[in-house]
Amino acid sequence: MTQPPINHDEEPIRLFKSDFLEFFTHISPITVIIIWVPVAIYFTWSTAAHLQGQSAWFIPLAILMGLFLWTPTEYLLHRFVFHFKPHTPRQERLAFLFHGVHHAQPQCKTRLVMPVVVSIPLAAVFYLLFWLVFSKLLAAPLWVGPTFTGFLIGYLAYDLTHYATHHFPMRHGYAKFLKRHHMRHHYKTPYARFGVSSALWDYAFGTMPKD
């Protein structure tokens, strides 16, 4: 897929003829916070409620692990799913619906965080994966909740950082670096610089241009 031309119109690009379907392509970052912060709190609270006198030492460690696990997930999703290279007209259309529209109209405020019709099924898949690994494979079911909490915190950091890079000044320190990193992804190297909340995996996998 070639980089779509930049559209600076304030009116969002329409993706569907159906008003019902079009509605679900727009979302506010406030919605993401309202939905996922309580979910993240619930999974940690639920774990603490089932300790039955056991030490809670592992909870902050599991949260940090989940937070770290988000970083390669963010990179891999952005690089290989959001920027998959279509080979047919149907795939081209799908690629534009999924992420190409954001590159075509990068300042559209209602298309900067992940729609819930995408984020909820993805969250369910990742929760199932954590449950299989920790509960079934490692026989450590109490690690599932806090690890998933950390993963959700990482996702929230990603979504809100993404919104901020497009609409906040971010003139200092690490925030400035992230904004420049992401803007260069949009306007200079759309097939590089895939990290949004962290550039770690761009360095690790060679997608950080030397300039």
N, C-alpha and C. Protein backbone atom coordinates (compact mmCIF):
# COMPACT_ATOMS: atom_id res chain seq x y z
N MET A 1 0.84 -1.19 0.00
CA MET A 1 0.00 0.00 0.00
C MET A 1 0.87 1.24 0.00
N THR A 2 0.65 2.12 -0.93
CA THR A 2 1.40 3.35 -0.97
C THR A 2 0.85 4.32 0.07
N GLN A 3 1.70 5.26 0.47
CA GLN A 3 1.26 6.26 1.44
C GLN A 3 0.15 7.11 0.83
N PRO A 4 -1.06 7.16 1.46
CA PRO A 4 -2.15 7.96 0.90
C PRO A 4 -1.84 9.44 1.00
N PRO A 5 -2.37 10.25 0.08
CA PRO A 5 -2.15 11.70 0.16
C PRO A 5 -2.76 12.26 1.44
N ILE A 6 -2.11 13.26 2.02
CA ILE A 6 -2.58 13.85 3.27
C ILE A 6 -3.80 14.73 3.00
N ASN A 7 -4.84 14.51 3.78
CA ASN A 7 -6.07 15.29 3.68
C ASN A 7 -6.16 16.18 4.91
N HIS A 8 -6.15 17.50 4.72
CA HIS A 8 -6.17 18.44 5.84
C HIS A 8 -7.57 18.99 6.11
N ASP A 9 -8.59 18.45 5.47
CA ASP A 9 -9.96 18.91 5.72
C ASP A 9 -10.36 18.61 7.17
N GLU A 10 -11.15 19.49 7.75
CA GLU A 10 -11.65 19.26 9.11
C GLU A 10 -12.73 18.18 9.13
N GLU A 11 -13.47 18.05 8.05
CA GLU A 11 -14.51 17.03 7.97
C GLU A 11 -13.88 15.66 7.82
N PRO A 12 -14.16 14.71 8.73
CA PRO A 12 -13.54 13.38 8.64
C PRO A 12 -13.89 12.67 7.34
N ILE A 13 -12.95 11.92 6.83
CA ILE A 13 -13.21 11.08 5.66
C ILE A 13 -14.27 10.05 6.01
N ARG A 14 -15.28 9.95 5.19
CA ARG A 14 -16.35 8.97 5.46
C ARG A 14 -15.92 7.60 4.96
N LEU A 15 -16.10 6.59 5.81
CA LEU A 15 -15.66 5.24 5.48
C LEU A 15 -16.80 4.33 5.06
N PHE A 16 -18.02 4.59 5.55
CA PHE A 16 -19.16 3.74 5.24
C PHE A 16 -20.35 4.59 4.83
N LYS A 17 -21.17 4.06 3.94
CA LYS A 17 -22.42 4.72 3.58
C LYS A 17 -23.41 4.68 4.75
N SER A 18 -23.37 3.59 5.50
CA SER A 18 -24.28 3.42 6.63
C SER A 18 -23.87 4.33 7.80
N ASP A 19 -24.81 5.14 8.28
CA ASP A 19 -24.54 5.99 9.45
C ASP A 19 -24.24 5.15 10.68
N PHE A 20 -24.89 4.00 10.78
CA PHE A 20 -24.68 3.11 11.93
C PHE A 20 -23.23 2.62 11.97
N LEU A 21 -22.71 2.13 10.84
CA LEU A 21 -21.34 1.65 10.78
C LEU A 21 -20.35 2.80 10.94
N GLU A 22 -20.66 3.93 10.32
CA GLU A 22 -19.77 5.08 10.39
C GLU A 22 -19.59 5.55 11.83
N PHE A 23 -20.66 5.46 12.62
CA PHE A 23 -20.62 5.89 14.02
C PHE A 23 -19.50 5.18 14.79
N PHE A 24 -19.30 3.91 14.52
CA PHE A 24 -18.33 3.11 15.27
C PHE A 24 -16.89 3.33 14.81
N THR A 25 -16.69 4.15 13.79
CA THR A 25 -15.32 4.47 13.36
C THR A 25 -14.77 5.69 14.07
N HIS A 26 -15.58 6.31 14.91
CA HIS A 26 -15.15 7.51 15.63
C HIS A 26 -15.18 7.25 17.13
N ILE A 27 -14.20 7.78 17.85
CA ILE A 27 -14.14 7.58 19.29
C ILE A 27 -13.31 8.69 19.93
N SER A 28 -13.71 9.08 21.12
CA SER A 28 -12.98 10.08 21.90
C SER A 28 -12.02 9.39 22.85
N PRO A 29 -10.87 9.99 23.15
CA PRO A 29 -9.96 9.39 24.14
C PRO A 29 -10.59 9.28 25.52
N ILE A 30 -11.56 10.14 25.82
CA ILE A 30 -12.26 10.05 27.11
C ILE A 30 -12.99 8.72 27.21
N THR A 31 -13.55 8.25 26.11
CA THR A 31 -14.26 6.97 26.10
C THR A 31 -13.31 5.83 26.45
N VAL A 32 -12.11 5.88 25.92
CA VAL A 32 -11.11 4.85 26.21
C VAL A 32 -10.80 4.82 27.71
N ILE A 33 -10.64 5.98 28.30
CA ILE A 33 -10.35 6.06 29.73
C ILE A 33 -11.52 5.51 30.55
N ILE A 34 -12.74 5.94 30.20
CA ILE A 34 -13.93 5.51 30.94
C ILE A 34 -14.11 4.00 30.89
N ILE A 35 -13.81 3.39 29.75
CA ILE A 35 -14.00 1.95 29.60
C ILE A 35 -12.89 1.15 30.28
N TRP A 36 -11.62 1.51 30.01
CA TRP A 36 -10.53 0.61 30.36
C TRP A 36 -9.92 0.83 31.73
N VAL A 37 -10.01 2.03 32.29
CA VAL A 37 -9.47 2.24 33.64
C VAL A 37 -10.23 1.38 34.66
N PRO A 38 -11.57 1.38 34.68
CA PRO A 38 -12.26 0.48 35.62
C PRO A 38 -11.95 -0.99 35.40
N VAL A 39 -11.78 -1.39 34.14
CA VAL A 39 -11.45 -2.79 33.86
C VAL A 39 -10.08 -3.14 34.44
N ALA A 40 -9.11 -2.26 34.25
CA ALA A 40 -7.77 -2.50 34.80
C ALA A 40 -7.81 -2.58 36.31
N ILE A 41 -8.55 -1.69 36.96
CA ILE A 41 -8.67 -1.70 38.42
C ILE A 41 -9.34 -2.99 38.88
N TYR A 42 -10.37 -3.40 38.16
CA TYR A 42 -11.11 -4.60 38.55
C TYR A 42 -10.22 -5.84 38.58
N PHE A 43 -9.39 -6.02 37.57
CA PHE A 43 -8.59 -7.25 37.52
C PHE A 43 -7.57 -7.32 38.64
N THR A 44 -7.01 -6.19 39.05
CA THR A 44 -6.09 -6.21 40.19
C THR A 44 -6.86 -6.41 41.50
N TRP A 45 -7.98 -5.72 41.64
CA TRP A 45 -8.79 -5.87 42.85
C TRP A 45 -9.27 -7.32 42.99
N SER A 46 -9.69 -7.92 41.88
CA SER A 46 -10.17 -9.30 41.92
C SER A 46 -9.07 -10.25 42.38
N THR A 47 -7.84 -10.02 41.91
CA THR A 47 -6.72 -10.86 42.34
C THR A 47 -6.48 -10.70 43.83
N ALA A 48 -6.46 -9.45 44.32
CA ALA A 48 -6.22 -9.19 45.74
C ALA A 48 -7.31 -9.84 46.60
N ALA A 49 -8.53 -9.87 46.09
CA ALA A 49 -9.64 -10.45 46.85
C ALA A 49 -9.54 -11.97 46.96
N HIS A 50 -8.75 -12.59 46.08
CA HIS A 50 -8.62 -14.06 46.10
C HIS A 50 -7.30 -14.53 46.70
N LEU A 51 -6.57 -13.63 47.36
CA LEU A 51 -5.28 -14.03 47.92
C LEU A 51 -5.43 -14.99 49.09
N GLN A 52 -6.48 -14.81 49.89
CA GLN A 52 -6.76 -15.69 51.03
C GLN A 52 -5.54 -15.86 51.93
N GLY A 53 -4.99 -14.72 52.33
CA GLY A 53 -3.87 -14.74 53.26
C GLY A 53 -2.51 -14.86 52.61
N GLN A 54 -2.43 -15.09 51.29
CA GLN A 54 -1.15 -15.17 50.61
C GLN A 54 -0.54 -13.78 50.44
N SER A 55 0.76 -13.75 50.30
CA SER A 55 1.45 -12.49 50.10
C SER A 55 1.10 -11.89 48.74
N ALA A 56 1.03 -10.56 48.72
CA ALA A 56 0.70 -9.86 47.47
C ALA A 56 1.95 -9.33 46.78
N TRP A 57 3.11 -9.86 47.11
CA TRP A 57 4.38 -9.34 46.57
C TRP A 57 4.42 -9.38 45.05
N PHE A 58 3.75 -10.37 44.47
CA PHE A 58 3.85 -10.58 43.03
C PHE A 58 3.00 -9.60 42.22
N ILE A 59 2.03 -8.93 42.83
CA ILE A 59 1.10 -8.07 42.08
C ILE A 59 1.81 -6.93 41.37
N PRO A 60 2.62 -6.11 42.07
CA PRO A 60 3.32 -5.04 41.33
C PRO A 60 4.28 -5.58 40.28
N LEU A 61 4.90 -6.74 40.56
CA LEU A 61 5.79 -7.34 39.58
C LEU A 61 5.02 -7.79 38.33
N ALA A 62 3.85 -8.38 38.54
CA ALA A 62 3.02 -8.81 37.42
C ALA A 62 2.52 -7.62 36.60
N ILE A 63 2.18 -6.52 37.29
CA ILE A 63 1.74 -5.32 36.57
C ILE A 63 2.87 -4.78 35.70
N LEU A 64 4.08 -4.73 36.26
CA LEU A 64 5.23 -4.27 35.48
C LEU A 64 5.50 -5.19 34.29
N MET A 65 5.32 -6.50 34.51
CA MET A 65 5.51 -7.45 33.41
C MET A 65 4.50 -7.20 32.30
N GLY A 66 3.24 -7.00 32.68
CA GLY A 66 2.21 -6.73 31.69
C GLY A 66 2.47 -5.43 30.94
N LEU A 67 2.94 -4.42 31.68
CA LEU A 67 3.27 -3.14 31.06
C LEU A 67 4.39 -3.32 30.03
N PHE A 68 5.40 -4.11 30.38
CA PHE A 68 6.49 -4.36 29.44
C PHE A 68 6.01 -5.17 28.24
N LEU A 69 5.16 -6.16 28.49
CA LEU A 69 4.66 -7.00 27.38
C LEU A 69 3.86 -6.20 26.37
N TRP A 70 3.27 -5.09 26.82
CA TRP A 70 2.55 -4.27 25.86
C TRP A 70 3.49 -3.69 24.82
N THR A 71 4.72 -3.33 25.18
CA THR A 71 5.60 -2.59 24.26
C THR A 71 5.91 -3.37 22.97
N PRO A 72 6.29 -4.66 23.02
CA PRO A 72 6.46 -5.37 21.75
C PRO A 72 5.13 -5.62 21.04
N THR A 73 4.04 -5.74 21.81
CA THR A 73 2.72 -5.92 21.20
C THR A 73 2.35 -4.71 20.37
N GLU A 74 2.56 -3.52 20.94
CA GLU A 74 2.29 -2.27 20.23
C GLU A 74 3.09 -2.20 18.94
N TYR A 75 4.37 -2.52 19.04
CA TYR A 75 5.25 -2.46 17.88
C TYR A 75 4.81 -3.44 16.80
N LEU A 76 4.56 -4.68 17.19
CA LEU A 76 4.22 -5.72 16.22
C LEU A 76 2.86 -5.47 15.57
N LEU A 77 1.89 -5.02 16.36
CA LEU A 77 0.59 -4.69 15.79
C LEU A 77 0.70 -3.56 14.77
N HIS A 78 1.44 -2.52 15.14
CA HIS A 78 1.57 -1.37 14.26
C HIS A 78 2.32 -1.75 12.98
N ARG A 79 3.38 -2.50 13.14
CA ARG A 79 4.22 -2.82 11.97
C ARG A 79 3.57 -3.85 11.05
N PHE A 80 3.05 -4.93 11.62
CA PHE A 80 2.63 -6.05 10.77
C PHE A 80 1.12 -6.15 10.56
N VAL A 81 0.32 -5.52 11.42
CA VAL A 81 -1.14 -5.56 11.24
C VAL A 81 -1.62 -4.24 10.65
N PHE A 82 -1.30 -3.13 11.31
CA PHE A 82 -1.76 -1.83 10.81
C PHE A 82 -1.12 -1.49 9.46
N HIS A 83 0.13 -1.93 9.26
CA HIS A 83 0.84 -1.60 8.02
C HIS A 83 1.06 -2.83 7.15
N PHE A 84 0.14 -3.79 7.23
CA PHE A 84 0.30 -4.95 6.36
C PHE A 84 0.18 -4.49 4.90
N LYS A 85 0.91 -5.16 4.03
CA LYS A 85 0.96 -4.76 2.61
C LYS A 85 -0.07 -5.55 1.82
N PRO A 86 -1.12 -4.89 1.35
CA PRO A 86 -2.19 -5.59 0.63
C PRO A 86 -1.75 -6.01 -0.76
N HIS A 87 -2.36 -7.08 -1.25
CA HIS A 87 -2.03 -7.60 -2.58
C HIS A 87 -3.24 -7.65 -3.51
N THR A 88 -4.41 -7.30 -3.00
CA THR A 88 -5.62 -7.29 -3.82
C THR A 88 -6.39 -6.00 -3.52
N PRO A 89 -7.31 -5.60 -4.40
CA PRO A 89 -8.13 -4.42 -4.12
C PRO A 89 -8.92 -4.53 -2.82
N ARG A 90 -9.40 -5.72 -2.51
CA ARG A 90 -10.14 -5.90 -1.26
C ARG A 90 -9.24 -5.68 -0.06
N GLN A 91 -8.03 -6.21 -0.12
CA GLN A 91 -7.08 -5.99 0.97
C GLN A 91 -6.68 -4.52 1.07
N GLU A 92 -6.59 -3.86 -0.10
CA GLU A 92 -6.29 -2.43 -0.10
C GLU A 92 -7.38 -1.65 0.63
N ARG A 93 -8.61 -2.00 0.37
CA ARG A 93 -9.74 -1.36 1.05
C ARG A 93 -9.69 -1.62 2.54
N LEU A 94 -9.41 -2.86 2.92
CA LEU A 94 -9.34 -3.23 4.34
C LEU A 94 -8.21 -2.47 5.03
N ALA A 95 -7.06 -2.37 4.35
CA ALA A 95 -5.93 -1.66 4.93
C ALA A 95 -6.24 -0.19 5.15
N PHE A 96 -7.00 0.39 4.22
CA PHE A 96 -7.36 1.80 4.38
C PHE A 96 -8.34 1.97 5.54
N LEU A 97 -9.31 1.08 5.65
CA LEU A 97 -10.27 1.15 6.75
C LEU A 97 -9.57 1.00 8.09
N PHE A 98 -8.60 0.11 8.14
CA PHE A 98 -7.99 -0.26 9.41
C PHE A 98 -6.99 0.80 9.90
N HIS A 99 -6.18 1.34 8.98
CA HIS A 99 -5.15 2.28 9.43
C HIS A 99 -4.79 3.33 8.38
N GLY A 100 -5.04 2.99 7.11
CA GLY A 100 -4.68 3.93 6.06
C GLY A 100 -5.41 5.25 6.18
N VAL A 101 -6.64 5.23 6.68
CA VAL A 101 -7.40 6.47 6.84
C VAL A 101 -6.71 7.41 7.82
N HIS A 102 -6.05 6.84 8.82
CA HIS A 102 -5.34 7.67 9.79
C HIS A 102 -4.14 8.36 9.13
N HIS A 103 -3.46 7.66 8.23
CA HIS A 103 -2.33 8.29 7.52
C HIS A 103 -2.83 9.29 6.48
N ALA A 104 -4.03 9.07 5.97
CA ALA A 104 -4.59 10.00 5.00
C ALA A 104 -5.09 11.28 5.68
N GLN A 105 -5.55 11.14 6.92
CA GLN A 105 -6.07 12.30 7.67
C GLN A 105 -5.58 12.21 9.12
N PRO A 106 -4.29 12.45 9.33
CA PRO A 106 -3.67 12.18 10.65
C PRO A 106 -4.13 13.08 11.78
N GLN A 107 -4.75 14.22 11.48
CA GLN A 107 -5.17 15.12 12.54
C GLN A 107 -6.64 14.97 12.91
N CYS A 108 -7.32 13.99 12.36
CA CYS A 108 -8.73 13.77 12.70
C CYS A 108 -8.83 13.32 14.16
N LYS A 109 -9.44 14.13 15.01
CA LYS A 109 -9.43 13.90 16.45
C LYS A 109 -10.20 12.65 16.87
N THR A 110 -11.17 12.24 16.09
CA THR A 110 -11.99 11.10 16.49
C THR A 110 -11.49 9.77 15.93
N ARG A 111 -10.30 9.79 15.30
CA ARG A 111 -9.73 8.54 14.79
C ARG A 111 -8.29 8.38 15.24
N LEU A 112 -8.01 8.80 16.48
CA LEU A 112 -6.65 8.71 17.00
C LEU A 112 -6.49 7.66 18.09
N VAL A 113 -7.58 7.14 18.60
CA VAL A 113 -7.52 6.03 19.55
C VAL A 113 -8.31 4.86 18.97
N MET A 114 -8.06 3.68 19.49
CA MET A 114 -8.63 2.47 18.89
C MET A 114 -10.13 2.37 19.16
N PRO A 115 -10.94 2.19 18.14
CA PRO A 115 -12.40 2.02 18.37
C PRO A 115 -12.68 0.80 19.22
N VAL A 116 -13.73 0.88 20.03
CA VAL A 116 -14.03 -0.23 20.94
C VAL A 116 -14.42 -1.49 20.19
N VAL A 117 -14.93 -1.37 18.97
CA VAL A 117 -15.27 -2.57 18.20
C VAL A 117 -14.02 -3.35 17.83
N VAL A 118 -12.86 -2.71 17.94
CA VAL A 118 -11.58 -3.39 17.72
C VAL A 118 -10.92 -3.73 19.05
N SER A 119 -10.90 -2.77 19.97
CA SER A 119 -10.14 -2.96 21.22
C SER A 119 -10.75 -4.02 22.12
N ILE A 120 -12.07 -4.13 22.17
CA ILE A 120 -12.69 -5.12 23.06
C ILE A 120 -12.39 -6.56 22.60
N PRO A 121 -12.58 -6.90 21.31
CA PRO A 121 -12.20 -8.26 20.89
C PRO A 121 -10.70 -8.53 21.07
N LEU A 122 -9.84 -7.53 20.78
CA LEU A 122 -8.40 -7.73 20.98
C LEU A 122 -8.09 -7.98 22.45
N ALA A 123 -8.72 -7.22 23.33
CA ALA A 123 -8.48 -7.41 24.77
C ALA A 123 -8.90 -8.82 25.20
N ALA A 124 -10.02 -9.29 24.67
CA ALA A 124 -10.48 -10.64 25.00
C ALA A 124 -9.48 -11.70 24.54
N VAL A 125 -8.91 -11.51 23.36
CA VAL A 125 -7.92 -12.45 22.84
C VAL A 125 -6.68 -12.47 23.73
N PHE A 126 -6.19 -11.29 24.10
CA PHE A 126 -4.99 -11.23 24.93
C PHE A 126 -5.25 -11.75 26.34
N TYR A 127 -6.42 -11.48 26.87
CA TYR A 127 -6.74 -12.03 28.19
C TYR A 127 -6.75 -13.55 28.14
N LEU A 128 -7.34 -14.12 27.10
CA LEU A 128 -7.35 -15.57 26.95
C LEU A 128 -5.92 -16.11 26.85
N LEU A 129 -5.07 -15.39 26.14
CA LEU A 129 -3.68 -15.81 26.01
C LEU A 129 -2.98 -15.80 27.36
N PHE A 130 -3.17 -14.73 28.14
CA PHE A 130 -2.56 -14.67 29.47
C PHE A 130 -3.11 -15.79 30.37
N TRP A 131 -4.41 -16.04 30.25
CA TRP A 131 -5.01 -17.10 31.07
C TRP A 131 -4.42 -18.46 30.72
N LEU A 132 -4.23 -18.73 29.44
CA LEU A 132 -3.66 -20.01 29.03
C LEU A 132 -2.23 -20.16 29.52
N VAL A 133 -1.44 -19.07 29.40
CA VAL A 133 -0.03 -19.14 29.78
C VAL A 133 0.12 -19.27 31.29
N PHE A 134 -0.51 -18.35 32.04
CA PHE A 134 -0.28 -18.31 33.49
C PHE A 134 -1.10 -19.35 34.25
N SER A 135 -2.35 -19.52 33.87
CA SER A 135 -3.21 -20.43 34.61
C SER A 135 -2.98 -21.88 34.24
N LYS A 136 -2.88 -22.16 32.95
CA LYS A 136 -2.78 -23.55 32.51
C LYS A 136 -1.33 -24.03 32.36
N LEU A 137 -0.51 -23.20 31.70
CA LEU A 137 0.86 -23.63 31.43
C LEU A 137 1.76 -23.50 32.65
N LEU A 138 1.67 -22.38 33.36
CA LEU A 138 2.56 -22.11 34.49
C LEU A 138 1.92 -22.40 35.85
N ALA A 139 0.64 -22.77 35.86
CA ALA A 139 -0.08 -23.05 37.11
C ALA A 139 0.04 -21.90 38.11
N ALA A 140 -0.11 -20.68 37.60
CA ALA A 140 -0.04 -19.48 38.45
C ALA A 140 -1.22 -18.58 38.11
N PRO A 141 -2.44 -19.01 38.41
CA PRO A 141 -3.63 -18.26 37.99
C PRO A 141 -3.73 -16.85 38.57
N LEU A 142 -3.15 -16.63 39.75
CA LEU A 142 -3.24 -15.30 40.36
C LEU A 142 -2.43 -14.25 39.59
N TRP A 143 -1.55 -14.69 38.71
CA TRP A 143 -0.77 -13.74 37.91
C TRP A 143 -1.56 -13.19 36.72
N VAL A 144 -2.65 -13.84 36.37
CA VAL A 144 -3.39 -13.43 35.18
C VAL A 144 -3.92 -12.01 35.32
N GLY A 145 -4.64 -11.72 36.40
CA GLY A 145 -5.28 -10.42 36.58
C GLY A 145 -4.32 -9.25 36.58
N PRO A 146 -3.30 -9.25 37.46
CA PRO A 146 -2.40 -8.09 37.48
C PRO A 146 -1.55 -7.96 36.22
N THR A 147 -1.20 -9.08 35.58
CA THR A 147 -0.46 -8.98 34.32
C THR A 147 -1.32 -8.32 33.25
N PHE A 148 -2.58 -8.72 33.22
CA PHE A 148 -3.51 -8.11 32.26
C PHE A 148 -3.73 -6.64 32.59
N THR A 149 -3.76 -6.30 33.88
CA THR A 149 -3.88 -4.90 34.28
C THR A 149 -2.72 -4.09 33.72
N GLY A 150 -1.50 -4.58 33.89
CA GLY A 150 -0.33 -3.87 33.35
C GLY A 150 -0.39 -3.74 31.85
N PHE A 151 -0.88 -4.78 31.20
CA PHE A 151 -1.03 -4.75 29.74
C PHE A 151 -2.01 -3.66 29.32
N LEU A 152 -3.12 -3.55 30.06
CA LEU A 152 -4.11 -2.52 29.76
C LEU A 152 -3.56 -1.11 30.02
N ILE A 153 -2.77 -0.97 31.08
CA ILE A 153 -2.14 0.32 31.34
C ILE A 153 -1.22 0.70 30.19
N GLY A 154 -0.49 -0.27 29.67
CA GLY A 154 0.37 -0.03 28.51
C GLY A 154 -0.44 0.39 27.31
N TYR A 155 -1.58 -0.28 27.10
CA TYR A 155 -2.45 0.08 25.97
C TYR A 155 -2.99 1.51 26.13
N LEU A 156 -3.41 1.86 27.33
CA LEU A 156 -3.90 3.22 27.58
C LEU A 156 -2.80 4.25 27.33
N ALA A 157 -1.59 3.93 27.79
CA ALA A 157 -0.47 4.84 27.55
C ALA A 157 -0.24 5.02 26.06
N TYR A 158 -0.34 3.94 25.32
CA TYR A 158 -0.18 4.00 23.86
C TYR A 158 -1.24 4.89 23.21
N ASP A 159 -2.51 4.61 23.51
CA ASP A 159 -3.59 5.36 22.88
C ASP A 159 -3.54 6.85 23.22
N LEU A 160 -3.31 7.15 24.50
CA LEU A 160 -3.30 8.55 24.93
C LEU A 160 -2.04 9.27 24.44
N THR A 161 -0.92 8.54 24.37
CA THR A 161 0.30 9.13 23.81
C THR A 161 0.08 9.44 22.33
N HIS A 162 -0.57 8.51 21.64
CA HIS A 162 -0.84 8.72 20.22
C HIS A 162 -1.69 9.97 20.00
N TYR A 163 -2.74 10.12 20.80
CA TYR A 163 -3.57 11.31 20.69
C TYR A 163 -2.74 12.56 20.98
N ALA A 164 -1.92 12.51 22.02
CA ALA A 164 -1.12 13.67 22.42
C ALA A 164 -0.12 14.07 21.34
N THR A 165 0.50 13.10 20.68
CA THR A 165 1.49 13.44 19.65
C THR A 165 0.88 14.23 18.50
N HIS A 166 -0.41 14.03 18.28
CA HIS A 166 -1.08 14.75 17.19
C HIS A 166 -1.68 16.08 17.61
N HIS A 167 -1.97 16.24 18.91
CA HIS A 167 -2.72 17.44 19.29
C HIS A 167 -2.17 18.20 20.50
N PHE A 168 -1.10 17.72 21.13
CA PHE A 168 -0.49 18.46 22.23
C PHE A 168 0.88 18.96 21.80
N PRO A 169 1.38 20.07 22.37
CA PRO A 169 2.68 20.61 21.96
C PRO A 169 3.86 19.66 22.22
N MET A 170 3.93 19.09 23.44
CA MET A 170 4.99 18.13 23.79
C MET A 170 6.38 18.68 23.41
N ARG A 171 6.79 19.75 24.05
CA ARG A 171 8.00 20.47 23.66
C ARG A 171 9.24 20.10 24.46
N HIS A 172 9.11 19.21 25.45
CA HIS A 172 10.24 18.98 26.33
C HIS A 172 10.50 17.49 26.56
N GLY A 173 11.77 17.16 26.74
CA GLY A 173 12.18 15.85 27.19
C GLY A 173 11.70 14.69 26.34
N TYR A 174 11.32 13.61 27.04
CA TYR A 174 10.92 12.38 26.36
C TYR A 174 9.65 12.58 25.54
N ALA A 175 8.75 13.45 26.05
CA ALA A 175 7.52 13.73 25.31
C ALA A 175 7.84 14.34 23.95
N LYS A 176 8.80 15.25 23.91
CA LYS A 176 9.22 15.86 22.65
C LYS A 176 9.79 14.80 21.70
N PHE A 177 10.60 13.89 22.24
CA PHE A 177 11.16 12.82 21.43
C PHE A 177 10.06 11.97 20.82
N LEU A 178 9.05 11.58 21.63
CA LEU A 178 7.97 10.74 21.12
C LEU A 178 7.17 11.45 20.03
N LYS A 179 6.92 12.73 20.22
CA LYS A 179 6.16 13.47 19.21
C LYS A 179 6.94 13.53 17.89
N ARG A 180 8.22 13.86 17.95
CA ARG A 180 9.04 13.93 16.74
C ARG A 180 9.13 12.55 16.08
N HIS A 181 9.29 11.53 16.92
CA HIS A 181 9.38 10.16 16.41
C HIS A 181 8.13 9.78 15.63
N HIS A 182 6.96 10.08 16.18
CA HIS A 182 5.73 9.69 15.52
C HIS A 182 5.42 10.58 14.31
N MET A 183 5.71 11.86 14.42
CA MET A 183 5.48 12.74 13.27
C MET A 183 6.37 12.35 12.08
N ARG A 184 7.58 11.91 12.37
CA ARG A 184 8.45 11.44 11.28
C ARG A 184 7.90 10.16 10.68
N HIS A 185 7.27 9.31 11.50
CA HIS A 185 6.61 8.12 10.96
C HIS A 185 5.54 8.53 9.95
N HIS A 186 4.77 9.55 10.28
CA HIS A 186 3.69 9.99 9.40
C HIS A 186 4.19 10.69 8.15
N TYR A 187 5.12 11.61 8.32
CA TYR A 187 5.44 12.54 7.22
C TYR A 187 6.76 12.25 6.52
N LYS A 188 7.53 11.29 7.04
CA LYS A 188 8.82 11.02 6.43
C LYS A 188 9.05 9.54 6.16
N THR A 189 8.79 8.69 7.16
CA THR A 189 9.09 7.26 7.02
C THR A 189 7.89 6.42 7.48
N PRO A 190 6.83 6.33 6.68
CA PRO A 190 5.63 5.59 7.11
C PRO A 190 5.86 4.10 7.31
N TYR A 191 6.95 3.56 6.77
CA TYR A 191 7.25 2.14 6.99
C TYR A 191 8.47 1.96 7.89
N ALA A 192 8.60 2.87 8.84
CA ALA A 192 9.61 2.79 9.89
C ALA A 192 9.06 3.55 11.10
N ARG A 193 9.80 3.51 12.21
CA ARG A 193 9.39 4.21 13.44
C ARG A 193 7.98 3.79 13.88
N PHE A 194 7.81 2.51 14.18
CA PHE A 194 6.49 1.98 14.49
C PHE A 194 6.12 2.13 15.96
N GLY A 195 7.08 2.33 16.83
CA GLY A 195 6.76 2.54 18.24
C GLY A 195 6.07 3.88 18.44
N VAL A 196 5.11 3.91 19.34
CA VAL A 196 4.39 5.16 19.64
C VAL A 196 4.67 5.59 21.07
N SER A 197 4.46 4.72 22.03
CA SER A 197 4.75 5.05 23.43
C SER A 197 6.19 4.74 23.80
N SER A 198 6.90 4.02 22.92
CA SER A 198 8.30 3.69 23.15
C SER A 198 8.95 3.39 21.80
N ALA A 199 10.20 3.78 21.67
CA ALA A 199 10.95 3.49 20.44
C ALA A 199 11.87 2.28 20.62
N LEU A 200 11.76 1.60 21.76
CA LEU A 200 12.67 0.49 22.10
C LEU A 200 12.76 -0.54 20.98
N TRP A 201 11.61 -0.99 20.46
CA TRP A 201 11.64 -2.09 19.50
C TRP A 201 12.00 -1.62 18.10
N ASP A 202 11.89 -0.33 17.83
CA ASP A 202 12.43 0.20 16.57
C ASP A 202 13.95 0.06 16.55
N TYR A 203 14.57 0.35 17.69
CA TYR A 203 16.02 0.15 17.78
C TYR A 203 16.37 -1.33 17.71
N ALA A 204 15.59 -2.17 18.40
CA ALA A 204 15.89 -3.60 18.47
C ALA A 204 15.75 -4.28 17.12
N PHE A 205 14.74 -3.87 16.31
CA PHE A 205 14.45 -4.55 15.06
C PHE A 205 14.86 -3.76 13.82
N GLY A 206 15.64 -2.70 14.01
CA GLY A 206 16.22 -2.01 12.87
C GLY A 206 15.27 -1.16 12.07
N THR A 207 14.19 -0.68 12.70
CA THR A 207 13.26 0.20 11.98
C THR A 207 13.37 1.65 12.47
N MET A 208 14.52 1.97 13.06
CA MET A 208 14.81 3.34 13.44
C MET A 208 15.85 3.89 12.46
N PRO A 209 15.44 4.70 11.47
CA PRO A 209 16.42 5.24 10.52
C PRO A 209 17.51 6.02 11.23
N LYS A 210 18.70 6.01 10.64
CA LYS A 210 19.84 6.64 11.27
C LYS A 210 19.71 8.14 11.40
N ASP A 211 18.87 8.76 10.55
CA ASP A 211 18.72 10.21 10.66
C ASP A 211 17.81 10.59 11.81
